[in-house]
Amino acid sequence: MLSAGGAAWSQAAAEREAELSAIREEKAGFDEDEGVDTVDIADYYEKKGLSRDLAERVAAQLMVRSPLKAALETEHGILVLTSRAEVMFTGIGCSLAFAFGASIPFALTFLLPVSIETWVIVLSVLVSLTLISIAGARAGYMDVRNTVVRTLTVGLITVSATYLLGEVAF
């Protein structure tokens, strides 16, 4: 739980740092030559299917509105800067999700006889992963089948590796 939350926080923090670096880079570039960004932005929209004339007009309008936002969107794909709070909530949310997902199998280790514990825990993990995958796929508008298959594959490999390592170590 803690390592997953820490990894999610670290990834979100690194993404925010990359966004801040891109902002600094673009601000420094405006001091040098603003015309280059207009050409880059026009090229971006032309590649997206606009005629050259329309792409140049769009670029000119975006540069009037907010040159920094236009450059960040077209050159770095940054629409909104990730906030510090989002970084924190990403880590906390991931930790809580892992804690919730692990709570049922963890509780079963105390409630079941050792003779059936392993198989019931594996089954409960698979059921939990399936339910969480379905919920996550629907929330993220992803393909449910692919998400469930991917999650179960990774889950089974992880559970198997952990079990085997536990057997070898103890």
Protein backbone atom coordinates (compact mmCIF):
# COMPACT_ATOMS: atom_id res chain seq x y z
CA MET A 1 0.00 0.00 0.00
CA LEU A 2 2.68 2.47 0.99
CA SER A 3 5.02 1.60 -1.88
CA ALA A 4 2.19 1.86 -4.43
CA GLY A 5 1.09 5.21 -3.00
CA GLY A 6 4.68 6.41 -2.90
CA ALA A 7 5.26 5.35 -6.49
CA ALA A 8 2.06 7.08 -7.65
CA TRP A 9 3.00 10.24 -5.73
CA SER A 10 6.52 10.15 -7.16
CA GLN A 11 5.23 9.77 -10.71
CA ALA A 12 2.73 12.62 -10.29
CA ALA A 13 5.40 14.83 -8.70
CA ALA A 14 7.81 14.11 -11.57
CA GLU A 15 5.08 14.98 -14.08
CA ARG A 16 4.45 18.30 -12.30
CA GLU A 17 8.19 19.04 -12.29
CA ALA A 18 8.34 18.32 -16.04
CA GLU A 19 5.40 20.67 -16.61
CA LEU A 20 7.09 23.42 -14.57
CA SER A 21 10.30 22.88 -16.52
CA ALA A 22 8.40 23.22 -19.82
CA ILE A 23 6.84 26.46 -18.56
CA ARG A 24 10.27 27.88 -17.67
CA GLU A 25 11.62 26.75 -21.06
CA GLU A 26 8.77 28.40 -22.95
CA LYS A 27 8.99 31.63 -20.95
CA ALA A 28 12.70 31.83 -21.71
CA GLY A 29 11.98 31.19 -25.38
CA PHE A 30 9.57 34.14 -25.56
CA ASP A 31 12.36 36.47 -24.55
CA GLU A 32 14.41 35.28 -27.54
CA ASP A 33 11.96 35.11 -30.47
CA GLU A 34 8.17 35.06 -30.29
CA GLY A 35 7.77 34.54 -34.05
CA VAL A 36 9.21 31.04 -33.97
CA ASP A 37 6.44 29.82 -31.65
CA THR A 38 3.74 31.15 -33.99
CA VAL A 39 5.24 29.12 -36.84
CA ASP A 40 5.50 26.02 -34.61
CA ILE A 41 1.88 26.40 -33.54
CA ALA A 42 0.72 26.85 -37.14
CA ASP A 43 2.68 23.73 -38.12
CA TYR A 44 0.99 21.82 -35.29
CA TYR A 45 -2.51 22.73 -36.48
CA GLU A 46 -1.63 22.09 -40.11
CA LYS A 47 -0.53 18.57 -39.17
CA LYS A 48 -3.88 18.15 -37.40
CA GLY A 49 -5.64 18.79 -40.73
CA LEU A 50 -6.20 22.53 -41.04
CA SER A 51 -5.23 24.38 -44.18
CA ARG A 52 -2.01 26.38 -43.87
CA ASP A 53 -3.92 29.67 -44.02
CA LEU A 54 -6.36 28.64 -41.29
CA ALA A 55 -3.57 27.15 -39.16
CA GLU A 56 -1.68 30.46 -39.34
CA ARG A 57 -4.81 32.41 -38.35
CA VAL A 58 -5.48 30.04 -35.44
CA ALA A 59 -1.85 30.38 -34.30
CA ALA A 60 -2.02 34.17 -34.51
CA GLN A 61 -5.24 34.25 -32.45
CA LEU A 62 -3.85 31.89 -29.84
CA MET A 63 -0.68 33.98 -29.57
CA VAL A 64 -2.80 37.07 -28.90
CA ARG A 65 -4.89 35.31 -26.24
CA SER A 66 -2.07 33.56 -24.38
CA PRO A 67 1.22 32.76 -26.09
CA LEU A 68 2.42 30.65 -23.15
CA LYS A 69 -0.72 28.49 -23.04
CA ALA A 70 -0.65 28.03 -26.83
CA ALA A 71 3.00 26.94 -26.79
CA LEU A 72 2.50 24.61 -23.82
CA GLU A 73 -0.49 22.92 -25.43
CA THR A 74 0.96 22.46 -28.90
CA GLU A 75 4.56 21.69 -28.02
CA HIS A 76 4.20 19.82 -24.72
CA GLY A 77 0.56 18.68 -24.57
CA ILE A 78 0.03 20.60 -21.34
CA LEU A 79 -3.52 21.89 -21.03
CA VAL A 80 -3.55 22.45 -17.26
CA LEU A 81 -0.69 22.49 -14.77
CA THR A 82 -0.91 19.66 -12.26
CA SER A 83 -1.41 21.22 -8.83
CA ARG A 84 0.47 20.27 -5.66
CA ALA A 85 -2.82 19.07 -4.20
CA GLU A 86 -3.38 16.74 -7.18
CA VAL A 87 0.06 15.25 -6.63
CA MET A 88 -0.71 14.64 -2.96
CA PHE A 89 -4.19 13.22 -3.62
CA THR A 90 -2.78 10.90 -6.29
CA GLY A 91 -0.47 9.29 -3.74
CA ILE A 92 -3.08 9.16 -0.98
CA GLY A 93 -5.78 7.85 -3.34
CA CYS A 94 -3.53 5.11 -4.65
CA SER A 95 -2.56 4.07 -1.12
CA LEU A 96 -6.20 3.94 -0.03
CA ALA A 97 -7.21 1.98 -3.13
CA PHE A 98 -4.50 -0.60 -2.45
CA ALA A 99 -5.47 -0.77 1.23
CA PHE A 100 -9.11 -1.33 0.33
CA GLY A 101 -8.23 -3.95 -2.29
CA ALA A 102 -5.97 -5.80 0.12
CA SER A 103 -8.29 -5.63 3.11
CA ILE A 104 -10.44 -8.62 2.14
CA PRO A 105 -7.58 -11.06 1.41
CA PHE A 106 -5.73 -9.75 4.47
CA ALA A 107 -8.76 -10.33 6.70
CA LEU A 108 -9.18 -13.84 5.29
CA THR A 109 -5.70 -14.79 6.50
CA PHE A 110 -6.97 -14.40 10.07
CA LEU A 111 -10.38 -16.01 9.55
CA LEU A 112 -9.67 -19.13 7.51
CA PRO A 113 -8.00 -22.43 8.38
CA VAL A 114 -4.51 -22.65 6.97
CA SER A 115 -5.45 -25.68 4.86
CA ILE A 116 -7.75 -23.65 2.55
CA GLU A 117 -6.38 -20.18 3.17
CA THR A 118 -4.12 -19.94 0.10
CA TRP A 119 -6.74 -20.87 -2.48
CA VAL A 120 -9.49 -18.75 -0.97
CA ILE A 121 -7.14 -15.77 -0.81
CA VAL A 122 -6.11 -16.24 -4.45
CA LEU A 123 -9.77 -16.48 -5.44
CA SER A 124 -10.66 -13.37 -3.41
CA VAL A 125 -7.78 -11.46 -5.00
CA LEU A 126 -9.00 -12.43 -8.47
CA VAL A 127 -12.57 -11.40 -7.64
CA SER A 128 -11.35 -8.09 -6.15
CA LEU A 129 -9.13 -7.39 -9.16
CA THR A 130 -12.00 -8.15 -11.52
CA LEU A 131 -14.44 -5.86 -9.72
CA ILE A 132 -11.91 -3.04 -9.39
CA SER A 133 -10.93 -3.42 -13.07
CA ILE A 134 -14.54 -3.20 -14.19
CA ALA A 135 -15.16 -0.12 -12.05
CA GLY A 136 -11.93 1.53 -13.20
CA ALA A 137 -12.53 0.77 -16.86
CA ARG A 138 -16.03 2.20 -16.73
CA ALA A 139 -14.89 5.29 -14.84
CA GLY A 140 -12.09 5.86 -17.36
CA TYR A 141 -14.23 5.00 -20.41
CA MET A 142 -11.86 2.16 -21.32
CA ASP A 143 -12.58 -1.24 -22.81
CA VAL A 144 -13.76 -3.37 -19.88
CA ARG A 145 -12.66 -6.71 -21.33
CA ASN A 146 -9.11 -5.57 -22.14
CA THR A 147 -8.76 -3.88 -18.76
CA VAL A 148 -9.91 -6.98 -16.87
CA VAL A 149 -7.64 -9.30 -18.87
CA ARG A 150 -4.64 -7.01 -18.43
CA THR A 151 -5.26 -6.58 -14.70
CA LEU A 152 -5.82 -10.28 -14.08
CA THR A 153 -2.70 -11.21 -16.04
CA VAL A 154 -0.51 -8.81 -14.07
CA GLY A 155 -2.26 -9.78 -10.82
CA LEU A 156 -1.78 -13.50 -11.37
CA ILE A 157 1.88 -13.05 -12.25
CA THR A 158 2.41 -10.84 -9.19
CA VAL A 159 0.56 -13.15 -6.80
CA SER A 160 2.36 -16.21 -8.20
CA ALA A 161 5.77 -14.60 -7.94
CA THR A 162 5.08 -13.40 -4.41
CA TYR A 163 3.81 -16.82 -3.36
CA LEU A 164 6.80 -18.63 -4.87
CA LEU A 165 9.26 -16.24 -3.27
CA GLY A 166 7.50 -16.72 0.06
CA GLU A 167 7.75 -20.50 -0.28
CA VAL A 168 11.45 -20.34 -1.13
CA ALA A 169 12.28 -17.89 1.66
CA PHE A 170 10.34 -19.68 4.38
